Amino acid sequence: LEHKKSGQPGVYALFTADEDESAWRETLHNLRTHLHEINDTLFDDRALRLEANAFIDQRLTDAEGVLDNLQALC
């Protein structure tokens, strides 16, 4: 998928086009950082913010694992 406003390719689009896997991994890392920054503004309570970040981290780690498995198959 791509960014609706900028047209920049998303993680999966980069995954399918990238032969050295650096672009999609970097984009996934940047997404994680961006979502943590959003959580910093949403959650004043540190415990809630850490819980929200852990939720995001787990989902992104799972997604990265799926892409790693796909890459191993191809």
N, C-alpha and C. Protein backbone atom coordinates (compact mmCIF):
# COMPACT_ATOMS: atom_id res chain seq x y z
N LEU A 1 0.85 -1.19 0.00
CA LEU A 1 0.00 0.00 0.00
C LEU A 1 0.88 1.23 0.00
N GLU A 2 0.32 2.31 -0.48
CA GLU A 2 1.09 3.55 -0.52
C GLU A 2 0.39 4.63 0.29
N HIS A 3 1.15 5.66 0.62
CA HIS A 3 0.61 6.80 1.35
C HIS A 3 -0.37 7.53 0.44
N LYS A 4 -1.57 7.75 0.94
CA LYS A 4 -2.62 8.32 0.10
C LYS A 4 -2.30 9.73 -0.40
N LYS A 5 -1.66 10.54 0.44
CA LYS A 5 -1.39 11.92 0.05
C LYS A 5 -0.08 12.07 -0.73
N SER A 6 0.96 11.40 -0.28
CA SER A 6 2.26 11.59 -0.92
C SER A 6 2.53 10.59 -2.05
N GLY A 7 1.82 9.47 -2.03
CA GLY A 7 2.07 8.44 -3.04
C GLY A 7 3.30 7.60 -2.76
N GLN A 8 3.97 7.83 -1.63
CA GLN A 8 5.15 7.04 -1.29
C GLN A 8 4.75 5.59 -1.04
N PRO A 9 5.58 4.66 -1.48
CA PRO A 9 5.25 3.25 -1.27
C PRO A 9 5.32 2.87 0.20
N GLY A 10 4.45 1.94 0.58
CA GLY A 10 4.44 1.44 1.94
C GLY A 10 5.39 0.28 2.12
N VAL A 11 5.35 -0.32 3.30
CA VAL A 11 6.27 -1.39 3.64
C VAL A 11 6.15 -2.56 2.65
N TYR A 12 4.94 -3.00 2.37
CA TYR A 12 4.78 -4.16 1.49
C TYR A 12 5.22 -3.85 0.06
N ALA A 13 4.91 -2.67 -0.42
CA ALA A 13 5.35 -2.29 -1.77
C ALA A 13 6.87 -2.28 -1.85
N LEU A 14 7.50 -1.77 -0.81
CA LEU A 14 8.97 -1.77 -0.79
C LEU A 14 9.50 -3.20 -0.68
N PHE A 15 8.82 -4.02 0.09
CA PHE A 15 9.22 -5.42 0.23
C PHE A 15 9.22 -6.13 -1.12
N THR A 16 8.16 -5.93 -1.88
CA THR A 16 8.06 -6.63 -3.17
C THR A 16 9.05 -6.10 -4.20
N ALA A 17 9.50 -4.86 -4.03
CA ALA A 17 10.39 -4.25 -5.01
C ALA A 17 11.86 -4.28 -4.59
N ASP A 18 12.13 -4.58 -3.34
CA ASP A 18 13.48 -4.43 -2.80
C ASP A 18 14.22 -5.76 -2.80
N GLU A 19 15.39 -5.77 -3.40
CA GLU A 19 16.17 -7.00 -3.46
C GLU A 19 17.12 -7.14 -2.28
N ASP A 20 17.51 -6.04 -1.66
CA ASP A 20 18.45 -6.15 -0.54
C ASP A 20 17.77 -5.97 0.81
N GLU A 21 16.48 -5.82 0.81
CA GLU A 21 15.60 -5.74 1.98
C GLU A 21 15.84 -4.56 2.91
N SER A 22 16.73 -3.65 2.56
CA SER A 22 17.00 -2.53 3.47
C SER A 22 15.88 -1.49 3.48
N ALA A 23 15.27 -1.22 2.34
CA ALA A 23 14.27 -0.15 2.27
C ALA A 23 13.03 -0.47 3.09
N TRP A 24 12.50 -1.68 2.97
CA TRP A 24 11.29 -2.00 3.72
C TRP A 24 11.57 -2.10 5.21
N ARG A 25 12.74 -2.60 5.58
CA ARG A 25 13.08 -2.68 7.01
C ARG A 25 13.25 -1.28 7.60
N GLU A 26 13.87 -0.40 6.85
CA GLU A 26 14.03 0.98 7.32
C GLU A 26 12.67 1.67 7.45
N THR A 27 11.79 1.45 6.49
CA THR A 27 10.45 2.04 6.54
C THR A 27 9.67 1.49 7.73
N LEU A 28 9.80 0.21 8.00
CA LEU A 28 9.13 -0.40 9.15
C LEU A 28 9.67 0.20 10.45
N HIS A 29 10.97 0.39 10.52
CA HIS A 29 11.58 1.02 11.69
C HIS A 29 11.07 2.45 11.86
N ASN A 30 11.01 3.19 10.75
CA ASN A 30 10.52 4.57 10.81
C ASN A 30 9.06 4.63 11.23
N LEU A 31 8.27 3.67 10.78
CA LEU A 31 6.87 3.59 11.19
C LEU A 31 6.77 3.37 12.69
N ARG A 32 7.56 2.46 13.21
CA ARG A 32 7.57 2.19 14.65
C ARG A 32 7.89 3.47 15.44
N THR A 33 8.92 4.17 14.99
CA THR A 33 9.32 5.41 15.66
C THR A 33 8.20 6.44 15.59
N HIS A 34 7.58 6.57 14.44
CA HIS A 34 6.49 7.54 14.26
C HIS A 34 5.30 7.21 15.17
N LEU A 35 4.94 5.95 15.24
CA LEU A 35 3.81 5.56 16.09
C LEU A 35 4.13 5.77 17.57
N HIS A 36 5.37 5.54 17.97
CA HIS A 36 5.77 5.83 19.35
C HIS A 36 5.67 7.32 19.63
N GLU A 37 6.05 8.14 18.67
CA GLU A 37 5.94 9.59 18.84
C GLU A 37 4.49 10.01 19.00
N ILE A 38 3.60 9.41 18.24
CA ILE A 38 2.17 9.69 18.39
C ILE A 38 1.71 9.30 19.79
N ASN A 39 2.14 8.13 20.25
CA ASN A 39 1.77 7.70 21.59
C ASN A 39 2.28 8.65 22.67
N ASP A 40 3.45 9.24 22.43
CA ASP A 40 3.98 10.22 23.38
C ASP A 40 3.03 11.39 23.58
N THR A 41 2.33 11.76 22.52
CA THR A 41 1.38 12.88 22.63
C THR A 41 0.02 12.43 23.15
N LEU A 42 -0.31 11.16 23.01
CA LEU A 42 -1.63 10.67 23.42
C LEU A 42 -1.69 10.24 24.87
N PHE A 43 -0.60 9.70 25.39
CA PHE A 43 -0.61 9.09 26.72
C PHE A 43 0.31 9.84 27.67
N ASP A 44 -0.28 10.56 28.61
CA ASP A 44 0.51 11.22 29.65
C ASP A 44 1.00 10.20 30.67
N ASP A 45 0.18 9.19 30.91
CA ASP A 45 0.52 8.14 31.87
C ASP A 45 1.58 7.23 31.26
N ARG A 46 2.74 7.16 31.91
CA ARG A 46 3.87 6.39 31.37
C ARG A 46 3.51 4.92 31.19
N ALA A 47 2.81 4.34 32.15
CA ALA A 47 2.47 2.91 32.07
C ALA A 47 1.57 2.63 30.87
N LEU A 48 0.60 3.51 30.63
CA LEU A 48 -0.28 3.33 29.47
C LEU A 48 0.48 3.50 28.16
N ARG A 49 1.39 4.46 28.14
CA ARG A 49 2.19 4.69 26.93
C ARG A 49 3.08 3.48 26.63
N LEU A 50 3.69 2.91 27.68
CA LEU A 50 4.52 1.72 27.49
C LEU A 50 3.69 0.54 27.01
N GLU A 51 2.48 0.41 27.54
CA GLU A 51 1.59 -0.67 27.10
C GLU A 51 1.20 -0.49 25.63
N ALA A 52 0.88 0.75 25.25
CA ALA A 52 0.52 1.03 23.86
C ALA A 52 1.71 0.78 22.93
N ASN A 53 2.89 1.19 23.35
CA ASN A 53 4.08 0.96 22.53
C ASN A 53 4.38 -0.53 22.41
N ALA A 54 4.18 -1.28 23.48
CA ALA A 54 4.41 -2.72 23.43
C ALA A 54 3.43 -3.39 22.46
N PHE A 55 2.19 -2.91 22.45
CA PHE A 55 1.19 -3.44 21.51
C PHE A 55 1.64 -3.21 20.07
N ILE A 56 2.06 -1.98 19.79
CA ILE A 56 2.54 -1.63 18.45
C ILE A 56 3.77 -2.46 18.09
N ASP A 57 4.71 -2.54 19.02
CA ASP A 57 5.94 -3.28 18.76
C ASP A 57 5.66 -4.74 18.42
N GLN A 58 4.73 -5.35 19.16
CA GLN A 58 4.42 -6.75 18.90
C GLN A 58 3.82 -6.93 17.51
N ARG A 59 2.91 -6.05 17.13
CA ARG A 59 2.27 -6.17 15.81
C ARG A 59 3.29 -5.96 14.69
N LEU A 60 4.17 -4.98 14.86
CA LEU A 60 5.16 -4.72 13.82
C LEU A 60 6.20 -5.84 13.76
N THR A 61 6.55 -6.39 14.91
CA THR A 61 7.47 -7.53 14.94
C THR A 61 6.83 -8.73 14.25
N ASP A 62 5.54 -8.95 14.50
CA ASP A 62 4.82 -10.03 13.82
C ASP A 62 4.81 -9.81 12.31
N ALA A 63 4.55 -8.58 11.88
CA ALA A 63 4.53 -8.27 10.45
C ALA A 63 5.90 -8.50 9.83
N GLU A 64 6.94 -8.09 10.53
CA GLU A 64 8.30 -8.31 10.02
C GLU A 64 8.59 -9.80 9.89
N GLY A 65 8.13 -10.58 10.86
CA GLY A 65 8.31 -12.03 10.79
C GLY A 65 7.61 -12.64 9.60
N VAL A 66 6.41 -12.17 9.32
CA VAL A 66 5.67 -12.67 8.15
C VAL A 66 6.43 -12.34 6.87
N LEU A 67 6.93 -11.13 6.77
CA LEU A 67 7.69 -10.74 5.58
C LEU A 67 8.99 -11.55 5.47
N ASP A 68 9.63 -11.81 6.60
CA ASP A 68 10.83 -12.66 6.58
C ASP A 68 10.49 -14.05 6.06
N ASN A 69 9.36 -14.60 6.51
CA ASN A 69 8.94 -15.92 6.04
C ASN A 69 8.63 -15.91 4.55
N LEU A 70 7.97 -14.87 4.08
CA LEU A 70 7.70 -14.75 2.65
C LEU A 70 8.99 -14.67 1.85
N GLN A 71 9.93 -13.92 2.37
CA GLN A 71 11.20 -13.76 1.69
C GLN A 71 11.94 -15.10 1.61
N ALA A 72 11.84 -15.89 2.66
CA ALA A 72 12.51 -17.19 2.67
C ALA A 72 11.90 -18.13 1.63
N LEU A 73 10.62 -17.95 1.34
CA LEU A 73 9.95 -18.79 0.36
C LEU A 73 10.29 -18.42 -1.07
N CYS A 74 10.65 -17.17 -1.28
CA CYS A 74 10.86 -16.68 -2.65
C CYS A 74 12.28 -16.82 -3.12
